[in-house]
Amino acid sequence: MSPPAPPSIARIVAAGAVAAAISGVPSTIWALLTGGDPLAAARAAGTLVPGRRARPGLVAGAVAHVAVSTVWTAALGLTAQRVRVGAISGAAVGLGIAVLDLEVVGRRYPAIAVLPRPPQWADHVAFGALLGTMLRPRRPLGPPPIRSPHEGFPGGTDPC
């Protein structure tokens, strides 16, 4: 049986799009349950766009979210070309991304710094886990190939 193939560029792009679209669910649910603004994080991301540091905005936030997600997707996608990834390793990557995005960069942006941390961390872990799941190596579909009982002998014949 052939080893699983690394993810194609098309699969990496699709995985990134799905992960970016779905990974905001934890913070959205948190905001709805606590009476917060479910779009606050999206608006806050808009302050990452140059010239908008003090002007959160939904459209700018969407642009920033796509840009940041694309960078992280490319990084994990390139890694998945050489190293096996999956949900757990992806979640671990998501934790690392959260440290950089929220604690290193985000603390310098007031609109990001005031966001509740647990749901934001959960979003990042969800992003990594989704991406890792979608980029894990795939086995070929279908039953394994039928092997001859003589396979492996020189000349393909049983010496007995």
Protein backbone atom coordinates (compact mmCIF):
# COMPACT_ATOMS: atom_id res chain seq x y z
CA MET A 1 0.00 0.00 0.00
CA SER A 2 1.38 3.41 -0.89
CA PRO A 3 1.99 5.93 1.87
CA PRO A 4 -0.55 8.72 2.22
CA ALA A 5 0.15 11.73 0.03
CA PRO A 6 0.77 15.17 1.54
CA PRO A 7 -2.06 17.67 1.10
CA SER A 8 -2.30 19.43 -2.26
CA ILE A 9 -2.37 23.22 -2.56
CA ALA A 10 -6.10 23.02 -3.33
CA ARG A 11 -6.68 21.00 -0.16
CA ILE A 12 -4.64 23.49 1.89
CA VAL A 13 -6.65 26.42 0.51
CA ALA A 14 -9.96 24.64 1.17
CA ALA A 15 -8.88 23.67 4.69
CA GLY A 16 -7.86 27.25 5.45
CA ALA A 17 -11.16 28.62 4.18
CA VAL A 18 -13.18 26.18 6.28
CA ALA A 19 -11.05 26.70 9.39
CA ALA A 20 -11.19 30.49 9.06
CA ALA A 21 -14.96 30.45 8.57
CA ILE A 22 -15.82 28.05 11.40
CA SER A 23 -13.20 28.81 14.03
CA GLY A 24 -15.01 31.89 15.33
CA VAL A 25 -17.87 29.76 16.67
CA PRO A 26 -16.56 29.53 20.28
CA SER A 27 -16.31 33.30 20.76
CA THR A 28 -19.62 33.87 18.97
CA ILE A 29 -21.40 31.41 21.26
CA TRP A 30 -19.67 32.96 24.29
CA ALA A 31 -20.83 36.44 23.27
CA LEU A 32 -24.40 35.28 22.70
CA LEU A 33 -24.52 33.45 26.05
CA THR A 34 -23.07 36.36 28.00
CA GLY A 35 -24.94 39.16 26.25
CA GLY A 36 -21.80 40.44 24.52
CA ASP A 37 -21.36 41.62 20.96
CA PRO A 38 -20.77 38.59 18.70
CA LEU A 39 -19.00 40.82 16.16
CA ALA A 40 -16.66 42.53 18.63
CA ALA A 41 -13.70 40.28 17.78
CA ALA A 42 -14.23 40.79 14.05
CA ARG A 43 -14.34 44.56 14.50
CA ALA A 44 -11.28 44.48 16.77
CA ALA A 45 -9.31 42.61 14.11
CA GLY A 46 -9.89 45.63 11.88
CA THR A 47 -7.48 47.61 14.03
CA LEU A 48 -4.67 45.42 12.64
CA VAL A 49 -5.09 47.07 9.24
CA PRO A 50 -2.50 49.85 8.87
CA GLY A 51 -4.01 53.25 9.61
CA ARG A 52 -6.95 51.78 11.56
CA ARG A 53 -5.35 51.14 14.95
CA ALA A 54 -7.97 53.27 16.74
CA ARG A 55 -10.82 52.55 14.32
CA PRO A 56 -12.28 49.07 14.66
CA GLY A 57 -14.47 48.04 11.74
CA LEU A 58 -16.24 44.98 10.41
CA VAL A 59 -15.00 45.16 6.81
CA ALA A 60 -11.43 45.92 7.87
CA GLY A 61 -11.74 43.11 10.41
CA ALA A 62 -12.80 40.65 7.71
CA VAL A 63 -9.82 41.70 5.59
CA ALA A 64 -7.45 41.31 8.54
CA HIS A 65 -8.97 37.95 9.50
CA VAL A 66 -8.55 36.60 5.97
CA ALA A 67 -4.95 37.86 5.80
CA VAL A 68 -3.94 36.43 9.18
CA SER A 69 -5.73 33.14 8.51
CA THR A 70 -4.01 32.88 5.14
CA VAL A 71 -0.57 33.33 6.69
CA TRP A 72 -1.21 30.68 9.37
CA THR A 73 -2.81 28.33 6.83
CA ALA A 74 0.23 28.63 4.56
CA ALA A 75 2.57 27.95 7.48
CA LEU A 76 0.72 24.84 8.63
CA GLY A 77 0.10 23.75 5.04
CA LEU A 78 3.82 23.87 4.26
CA THR A 79 4.54 21.99 7.46
CA ALA A 80 1.97 19.34 6.50
CA GLN A 81 3.94 18.77 3.29
CA ARG A 82 6.79 17.33 5.41
CA VAL A 83 5.30 16.32 8.76
CA ARG A 84 2.13 14.41 9.60
CA VAL A 85 -0.49 16.68 11.13
CA GLY A 86 -3.88 16.01 12.67
CA ALA A 87 -6.42 17.45 15.09
CA ILE A 88 -4.20 17.27 18.18
CA SER A 89 -1.08 18.69 16.58
CA GLY A 90 -3.26 21.32 14.89
CA ALA A 91 -4.80 22.29 18.23
CA ALA A 92 -1.28 22.63 19.68
CA VAL A 93 -0.38 24.88 16.76
CA GLY A 94 -3.56 26.86 17.48
CA LEU A 95 -2.36 27.41 21.05
CA GLY A 96 0.92 28.75 19.71
CA ILE A 97 -0.91 31.01 17.28
CA ALA A 98 -3.04 32.30 20.18
CA VAL A 99 0.07 33.23 22.14
CA LEU A 100 1.45 35.21 19.20
CA ASP A 101 -1.83 36.70 17.96
CA LEU A 102 -3.39 37.56 21.31
CA GLU A 103 -0.61 37.96 23.84
CA VAL A 104 2.32 39.24 21.79
CA VAL A 105 0.65 41.27 19.02
CA GLY A 106 -2.89 41.68 20.34
CA ARG A 107 -1.94 43.27 23.65
CA ARG A 108 -0.60 46.26 21.65
CA TYR A 109 -4.03 46.87 20.13
CA PRO A 110 -6.59 48.13 22.67
CA ALA A 111 -9.65 46.72 20.85
CA ILE A 112 -8.04 43.26 20.85
CA ALA A 113 -6.59 43.53 24.36
CA VAL A 114 -10.03 44.02 25.93
CA LEU A 115 -11.61 40.94 24.32
CA PRO A 116 -12.38 38.11 26.76
CA ARG A 117 -9.42 35.72 26.55
CA PRO A 118 -10.95 32.22 26.98
CA PRO A 119 -13.24 32.42 23.92
CA GLN A 120 -10.49 33.99 21.82
CA TRP A 121 -8.09 31.21 22.79
CA ALA A 122 -10.82 28.67 21.99
CA ASP A 123 -11.22 30.23 18.52
CA HIS A 124 -7.50 29.82 17.88
CA VAL A 125 -7.44 26.23 19.11
CA ALA A 126 -10.48 25.48 16.94
CA PHE A 127 -8.72 27.02 13.92
CA GLY A 128 -5.64 24.85 14.44
CA ALA A 129 -7.63 21.67 15.16
CA LEU A 130 -9.84 22.15 12.09
CA LEU A 131 -6.86 22.89 9.89
CA GLY A 132 -4.89 19.93 11.25
CA THR A 133 -7.85 17.62 10.77
CA MET A 134 -8.36 18.69 7.18
CA LEU A 135 -4.65 18.46 6.36
CA ARG A 136 -3.99 15.06 7.90
CA PRO A 137 -2.69 12.49 5.44
CA ARG A 138 -5.35 10.57 3.57
CA ARG A 139 -5.22 6.91 2.73
CA PRO A 140 -6.40 5.88 -0.73
CA LEU A 141 -10.10 5.07 -0.84
CA GLY A 142 -11.36 1.57 -1.44
CA PRO A 143 -10.24 -1.86 -0.33
CA PRO A 144 -6.55 -2.68 -0.15
CA PRO A 145 -5.09 -4.19 -3.30
CA ILE A 146 -5.25 -7.98 -3.66
CA ARG A 147 -1.81 -9.46 -3.42
CA SER A 148 -0.61 -12.61 -5.05
CA PRO A 149 0.50 -15.36 -2.63
CA HIS A 150 3.74 -15.41 -4.62
CA GLU A 151 4.39 -11.69 -4.30
CA GLY A 152 7.75 -10.92 -2.83
CA PHE A 153 9.60 -13.95 -4.24
CA PRO A 154 12.23 -13.37 -6.92
CA GLY A 155 10.61 -13.72 -10.33
CA GLY A 156 7.17 -13.71 -8.66
CA THR A 157 7.08 -17.48 -8.19
CA ASP A 158 7.03 -19.61 -5.07
CA PRO A 159 10.25 -21.62 -4.80
CA CYS A 160 8.41 -24.62 -3.29
